[in-house]
């Protein structure tokens, strides 16, 4: 049986990287792999961990803070995408996204300075 988040994603057609939620236990920590898209600057630390209970907005704020530290991107707005396919809701739980869309034990988060997918 899939979690409610997985079922919503399946209905929307976002099945890339879908795994059976019953096969994985919600992680306490989620490993995030952040990939830049388009003209977004590359982060010096592309991989980091975050609490599974955290929301997508926390990851977005973290990446945005790192990017805004550069004078060239002081007022940049960061857009977050999962597996190069959709933009999750800011209040989406990271452990739910991890259960549904993890790849090799990591949640792949793509970030851009403008809308790219979804």
N, C-alpha and C. Protein backbone atom coordinates (compact mmCIF):
# COMPACT_ATOMS: atom_id res chain seq x y z
N UNK A 1 0.84 -1.19 0.00
CA UNK A 1 0.00 0.00 0.00
C UNK A 1 0.88 1.24 0.00
N UNK A 2 0.52 2.22 -0.83
CA UNK A 2 1.29 3.46 -0.94
C UNK A 2 0.75 4.50 0.01
N UNK A 3 1.61 5.44 0.40
CA UNK A 3 1.17 6.54 1.26
C UNK A 3 0.30 7.50 0.45
N UNK A 4 -0.39 8.39 1.13
CA UNK A 4 -1.31 9.32 0.48
C UNK A 4 -0.57 10.22 -0.51
N UNK A 5 0.65 10.63 -0.17
CA UNK A 5 1.44 11.48 -1.07
C UNK A 5 1.74 10.74 -2.36
N UNK A 6 2.12 9.48 -2.26
CA UNK A 6 2.42 8.68 -3.45
C UNK A 6 1.18 8.55 -4.33
N UNK A 7 0.04 8.30 -3.70
CA UNK A 7 -1.19 8.14 -4.47
C UNK A 7 -1.54 9.42 -5.23
N UNK A 8 -1.34 10.59 -4.59
CA UNK A 8 -1.60 11.85 -5.28
C UNK A 8 -0.67 12.02 -6.46
N UNK A 9 0.60 11.67 -6.28
CA UNK A 9 1.57 11.81 -7.36
C UNK A 9 1.26 10.87 -8.52
N UNK A 10 0.81 9.65 -8.20
CA UNK A 10 0.46 8.69 -9.25
C UNK A 10 -0.72 9.23 -10.06
N UNK A 11 -1.71 9.79 -9.38
CA UNK A 11 -2.87 10.34 -10.07
C UNK A 11 -2.48 11.49 -10.97
N UNK A 12 -1.48 12.28 -10.57
CA UNK A 12 -1.03 13.41 -11.37
C UNK A 12 -0.10 12.97 -12.49
N UNK A 13 0.36 11.72 -12.46
CA UNK A 13 1.24 11.22 -13.52
C UNK A 13 2.71 11.36 -13.20
N UNK A 14 3.04 11.70 -11.95
CA UNK A 14 4.45 11.84 -11.56
C UNK A 14 4.92 10.53 -10.94
N UNK A 15 5.29 9.58 -11.76
CA UNK A 15 5.66 8.26 -11.26
C UNK A 15 7.15 8.00 -11.30
N UNK A 16 7.96 8.97 -11.74
CA UNK A 16 9.40 8.77 -11.86
C UNK A 16 10.00 8.49 -10.49
N UNK A 17 10.69 7.38 -10.37
CA UNK A 17 11.37 7.04 -9.13
C UNK A 17 10.45 6.53 -8.04
N UNK A 18 9.22 6.14 -8.37
CA UNK A 18 8.25 5.71 -7.40
C UNK A 18 8.64 4.36 -6.80
N UNK A 19 8.61 4.27 -5.48
CA UNK A 19 8.88 3.01 -4.79
C UNK A 19 7.70 2.70 -3.89
N UNK A 20 7.57 1.46 -3.51
CA UNK A 20 6.50 1.04 -2.63
C UNK A 20 6.75 1.58 -1.23
N UNK A 21 5.83 2.36 -0.70
CA UNK A 21 6.00 2.99 0.60
C UNK A 21 6.08 1.96 1.72
N UNK A 22 5.42 0.82 1.57
CA UNK A 22 5.46 -0.20 2.60
C UNK A 22 6.85 -0.82 2.74
N UNK A 23 7.63 -0.76 1.70
CA UNK A 23 8.96 -1.36 1.72
C UNK A 23 9.99 -0.49 2.44
N UNK A 24 9.67 0.78 2.65
CA UNK A 24 10.62 1.67 3.32
C UNK A 24 9.99 2.31 4.54
N UNK A 25 10.76 2.41 5.59
CA UNK A 25 10.31 3.07 6.81
C UNK A 25 10.66 4.54 6.72
N UNK A 26 9.82 5.44 7.23
CA UNK A 26 10.16 6.86 7.16
C UNK A 26 11.50 7.13 7.85
N UNK A 27 12.42 7.75 7.15
CA UNK A 27 13.73 8.00 7.74
C UNK A 27 13.70 9.17 8.72
N UNK A 28 14.56 9.09 9.74
CA UNK A 28 14.69 10.22 10.66
C UNK A 28 15.42 11.35 9.95
N UNK A 29 16.42 10.99 9.17
CA UNK A 29 17.18 11.96 8.38
C UNK A 29 17.03 11.61 6.90
N UNK A 30 16.87 12.62 6.09
CA UNK A 30 16.77 12.45 4.65
C UNK A 30 18.02 13.07 4.03
N UNK A 31 18.69 12.30 3.19
CA UNK A 31 19.86 12.83 2.49
C UNK A 31 19.36 13.52 1.23
N UNK A 32 19.72 14.79 1.10
CA UNK A 32 19.30 15.61 -0.03
C UNK A 32 20.48 15.76 -0.98
N UNK A 33 20.24 15.54 -2.26
CA UNK A 33 21.23 15.80 -3.30
C UNK A 33 20.69 16.96 -4.13
N UNK A 34 21.33 18.13 -4.02
CA UNK A 34 20.86 19.35 -4.67
C UNK A 34 21.60 19.57 -5.99
N UNK A 35 20.85 19.59 -7.08
CA UNK A 35 21.43 19.80 -8.41
C UNK A 35 20.93 21.13 -8.97
N UNK A 36 21.85 21.92 -9.49
CA UNK A 36 21.45 23.18 -10.11
C UNK A 36 20.88 22.94 -11.50
N UNK A 37 19.98 23.83 -11.91
CA UNK A 37 19.34 23.76 -13.22
C UNK A 37 19.47 25.13 -13.87
N UNK A 38 19.75 25.13 -15.16
CA UNK A 38 19.85 26.40 -15.89
C UNK A 38 21.00 27.26 -15.40
N UNK A 39 20.71 28.53 -15.15
CA UNK A 39 21.76 29.45 -14.74
C UNK A 39 21.92 29.57 -13.22
N UNK A 40 21.30 28.67 -12.47
CA UNK A 40 21.46 28.69 -11.01
C UNK A 40 22.90 28.31 -10.65
N UNK A 41 23.50 29.02 -9.70
CA UNK A 41 24.88 28.69 -9.32
C UNK A 41 24.98 27.33 -8.64
N UNK A 42 26.12 26.70 -8.78
CA UNK A 42 26.37 25.40 -8.16
C UNK A 42 26.71 25.63 -6.69
N UNK A 43 26.09 24.85 -5.82
CA UNK A 43 26.39 24.95 -4.39
C UNK A 43 27.73 24.28 -4.09
N UNK A 44 28.45 24.82 -3.15
CA UNK A 44 29.73 24.20 -2.78
C UNK A 44 29.50 22.86 -2.10
N UNK A 45 28.39 22.71 -1.40
CA UNK A 45 28.04 21.44 -0.76
C UNK A 45 26.72 20.98 -1.38
N UNK A 46 26.80 20.04 -2.31
CA UNK A 46 25.62 19.58 -3.05
C UNK A 46 24.80 18.57 -2.27
N UNK A 47 25.40 17.90 -1.31
CA UNK A 47 24.70 16.87 -0.55
C UNK A 47 24.68 17.25 0.92
N UNK A 48 23.49 17.16 1.53
CA UNK A 48 23.36 17.45 2.96
C UNK A 48 22.17 16.65 3.48
N UNK A 49 22.04 16.59 4.79
CA UNK A 49 20.92 15.85 5.38
C UNK A 49 20.02 16.80 6.14
N UNK A 50 18.78 16.37 6.28
CA UNK A 50 17.78 17.19 6.94
C UNK A 50 16.81 16.24 7.64
N UNK A 51 16.14 16.71 8.66
CA UNK A 51 15.16 15.91 9.36
C UNK A 51 14.04 15.50 8.41
N UNK A 52 13.59 14.26 8.51
CA UNK A 52 12.49 13.78 7.68
C UNK A 52 11.19 14.51 7.97
N UNK A 53 11.06 15.08 9.16
CA UNK A 53 9.85 15.81 9.53
C UNK A 53 9.84 17.23 8.97
N UNK A 54 10.95 17.68 8.39
CA UNK A 54 11.03 19.03 7.83
C UNK A 54 10.20 19.14 6.56
N UNK A 55 9.90 20.37 6.20
CA UNK A 55 9.11 20.62 4.99
C UNK A 55 10.02 21.07 3.85
N UNK A 56 9.46 21.08 2.65
CA UNK A 56 10.19 21.51 1.46
C UNK A 56 10.63 22.97 1.61
N UNK A 57 9.84 23.77 2.30
CA UNK A 57 10.20 25.18 2.46
C UNK A 57 11.51 25.34 3.22
N UNK A 58 11.83 24.41 4.10
CA UNK A 58 13.11 24.49 4.82
C UNK A 58 14.28 24.27 3.85
N UNK A 59 14.16 23.32 2.94
CA UNK A 59 15.20 23.07 1.95
C UNK A 59 15.33 24.26 1.02
N UNK A 60 14.19 24.81 0.61
CA UNK A 60 14.19 25.97 -0.27
C UNK A 60 14.89 27.15 0.42
N UNK A 61 14.59 27.38 1.68
CA UNK A 61 15.22 28.47 2.42
C UNK A 61 16.72 28.25 2.56
N UNK A 62 17.13 27.01 2.81
CA UNK A 62 18.55 26.68 2.96
C UNK A 62 19.31 26.98 1.66
N UNK A 63 18.78 26.49 0.55
CA UNK A 63 19.44 26.71 -0.75
C UNK A 63 19.43 28.19 -1.11
N UNK A 64 18.32 28.85 -0.84
CA UNK A 64 18.21 30.27 -1.17
C UNK A 64 19.20 31.10 -0.36
N UNK A 65 19.41 30.75 0.90
CA UNK A 65 20.38 31.45 1.74
C UNK A 65 21.79 31.28 1.18
N UNK A 66 22.12 30.07 0.77
CA UNK A 66 23.45 29.81 0.19
C UNK A 66 23.65 30.62 -1.09
N UNK A 67 22.64 30.66 -1.95
CA UNK A 67 22.76 31.36 -3.22
C UNK A 67 22.81 32.88 -3.00
N UNK A 68 22.01 33.38 -2.08
CA UNK A 68 21.97 34.83 -1.82
C UNK A 68 23.24 35.36 -1.18
N UNK A 69 24.09 34.48 -0.68
CA UNK A 69 25.36 34.94 -0.10
C UNK A 69 26.30 35.49 -1.17
N UNK A 70 26.02 35.17 -2.42
CA UNK A 70 26.80 35.70 -3.54
C UNK A 70 26.23 37.06 -3.94
N UNK A 71 27.10 38.07 -4.14
CA UNK A 71 26.60 39.40 -4.51
C UNK A 71 25.84 39.41 -5.85
N UNK A 72 26.15 38.49 -6.74
CA UNK A 72 25.46 38.43 -8.04
C UNK A 72 24.03 37.95 -7.92
N UNK A 73 23.70 37.25 -6.83
CA UNK A 73 22.38 36.65 -6.67
C UNK A 73 21.73 37.08 -5.35
N UNK A 74 21.99 38.31 -4.90
CA UNK A 74 21.53 38.78 -3.60
C UNK A 74 20.01 38.77 -3.45
N UNK A 75 19.28 38.94 -4.55
CA UNK A 75 17.82 38.96 -4.47
C UNK A 75 17.17 37.79 -5.23
N UNK A 76 17.90 36.72 -5.39
CA UNK A 76 17.41 35.57 -6.16
C UNK A 76 16.28 34.84 -5.44
N UNK A 77 15.34 34.34 -6.23
CA UNK A 77 14.27 33.48 -5.73
C UNK A 77 14.53 32.08 -6.28
N UNK A 78 14.51 31.11 -5.39
CA UNK A 78 14.83 29.73 -5.77
C UNK A 78 13.54 28.93 -5.93
N UNK A 79 13.47 28.16 -7.00
CA UNK A 79 12.36 27.24 -7.25
C UNK A 79 12.88 25.82 -7.09
N UNK A 80 12.12 24.99 -6.40
CA UNK A 80 12.52 23.62 -6.06
C UNK A 80 11.71 22.62 -6.90
N UNK A 81 12.39 21.59 -7.36
CA UNK A 81 11.75 20.52 -8.14
C UNK A 81 12.26 19.17 -7.64
N UNK A 82 11.44 18.15 -7.75
CA UNK A 82 11.82 16.80 -7.36
C UNK A 82 12.00 15.96 -8.62
N UNK A 83 13.17 15.33 -8.74
CA UNK A 83 13.49 14.44 -9.86
C UNK A 83 13.21 15.07 -11.23
N UNK A 84 13.49 16.34 -11.36
CA UNK A 84 13.31 17.06 -12.63
C UNK A 84 11.92 16.91 -13.21
N UNK A 85 10.90 16.81 -12.36
CA UNK A 85 9.57 16.61 -12.92
C UNK A 85 8.49 17.50 -12.33
N UNK A 86 8.49 17.78 -11.03
CA UNK A 86 7.40 18.56 -10.46
C UNK A 86 7.90 19.40 -9.29
N UNK A 87 7.15 20.44 -9.01
CA UNK A 87 7.45 21.33 -7.90
C UNK A 87 6.53 20.96 -6.73
N UNK A 88 7.09 20.49 -5.63
CA UNK A 88 6.25 20.09 -4.50
C UNK A 88 5.70 21.31 -3.76
N UNK A 89 4.64 21.09 -3.00
CA UNK A 89 4.08 22.15 -2.16
C UNK A 89 5.09 22.50 -1.07
N UNK A 90 5.18 23.76 -0.67
CA UNK A 90 6.15 24.16 0.35
C UNK A 90 5.97 23.44 1.69
N UNK A 91 4.75 23.02 2.00
CA UNK A 91 4.51 22.33 3.27
C UNK A 91 4.62 20.81 3.17
N UNK A 92 5.03 20.31 2.01
CA UNK A 92 5.19 18.86 1.80
C UNK A 92 6.28 18.32 2.72
N UNK A 93 6.01 17.19 3.35
CA UNK A 93 6.93 16.56 4.28
C UNK A 93 8.05 15.84 3.52
N UNK A 94 9.30 16.04 3.94
CA UNK A 94 10.44 15.43 3.24
C UNK A 94 10.43 13.91 3.33
N UNK A 95 10.01 13.35 4.46
CA UNK A 95 10.02 11.89 4.57
C UNK A 95 8.99 11.27 3.61
N UNK A 96 7.87 11.94 3.38
CA UNK A 96 6.88 11.43 2.41
C UNK A 96 7.45 11.46 1.00
N UNK A 97 8.10 12.56 0.65
CA UNK A 97 8.73 12.65 -0.68
C UNK A 97 9.82 11.60 -0.83
N UNK A 98 10.59 11.40 0.23
CA UNK A 98 11.67 10.41 0.20
C UNK A 98 11.09 9.01 -0.03
N UNK A 99 10.03 8.66 0.69
CA UNK A 99 9.43 7.34 0.53
C UNK A 99 8.98 7.10 -0.90
N UNK A 100 8.49 8.12 -1.55
CA UNK A 100 7.94 7.97 -2.90
C UNK A 100 8.96 8.14 -4.01
N UNK A 101 9.96 9.01 -3.80
CA UNK A 101 10.80 9.42 -4.93
C UNK A 101 12.31 9.32 -4.69
N UNK A 102 12.74 8.62 -3.67
CA UNK A 102 14.18 8.50 -3.42
C UNK A 102 14.86 7.71 -4.52
N UNK A 103 16.11 8.08 -4.77
CA UNK A 103 16.94 7.40 -5.76
C UNK A 103 18.27 7.08 -5.10
N UNK A 104 18.61 5.82 -5.02
CA UNK A 104 19.86 5.38 -4.38
C UNK A 104 20.02 5.93 -2.98
N UNK A 105 18.93 5.97 -2.21
CA UNK A 105 18.97 6.42 -0.82
C UNK A 105 19.04 7.93 -0.65
N UNK A 106 18.81 8.68 -1.72
CA UNK A 106 18.86 10.14 -1.64
C UNK A 106 17.62 10.73 -2.30
N UNK A 107 17.20 11.88 -1.80
CA UNK A 107 16.12 12.63 -2.43
C UNK A 107 16.77 13.66 -3.33
N UNK A 108 16.57 13.51 -4.64
CA UNK A 108 17.17 14.42 -5.60
C UNK A 108 16.30 15.67 -5.72
N UNK A 109 16.89 16.80 -5.33
CA UNK A 109 16.20 18.09 -5.38
C UNK A 109 16.92 18.96 -6.40
N UNK A 110 16.18 19.37 -7.42
CA UNK A 110 16.74 20.26 -8.43
C UNK A 110 16.28 21.67 -8.08
N UNK A 111 17.15 22.65 -8.26
CA UNK A 111 16.78 24.03 -7.94
C UNK A 111 17.16 24.93 -9.12
N UNK A 112 16.33 25.96 -9.31
CA UNK A 112 16.54 26.89 -10.41
C UNK A 112 16.15 28.29 -9.95
N UNK A 113 16.58 29.28 -10.71
CA UNK A 113 16.24 30.67 -10.40
C UNK A 113 14.97 31.09 -11.13
N UNK A 114 14.43 30.20 -11.95
CA UNK A 114 13.15 30.45 -12.63
C UNK A 114 12.43 29.11 -12.78
N UNK A 115 11.13 29.15 -13.07
CA UNK A 115 10.37 27.92 -13.25
C UNK A 115 10.98 27.10 -14.38
N UNK A 116 11.18 25.82 -14.12
CA UNK A 116 11.76 24.95 -15.14
C UNK A 116 10.83 23.79 -15.49
N UNK A 117 10.27 23.13 -14.49
CA UNK A 117 9.33 22.02 -14.68
C UNK A 117 8.13 22.26 -13.78
N UNK A 118 7.06 21.51 -14.05
CA UNK A 118 5.91 21.42 -13.19
C UNK A 118 5.21 22.68 -12.91
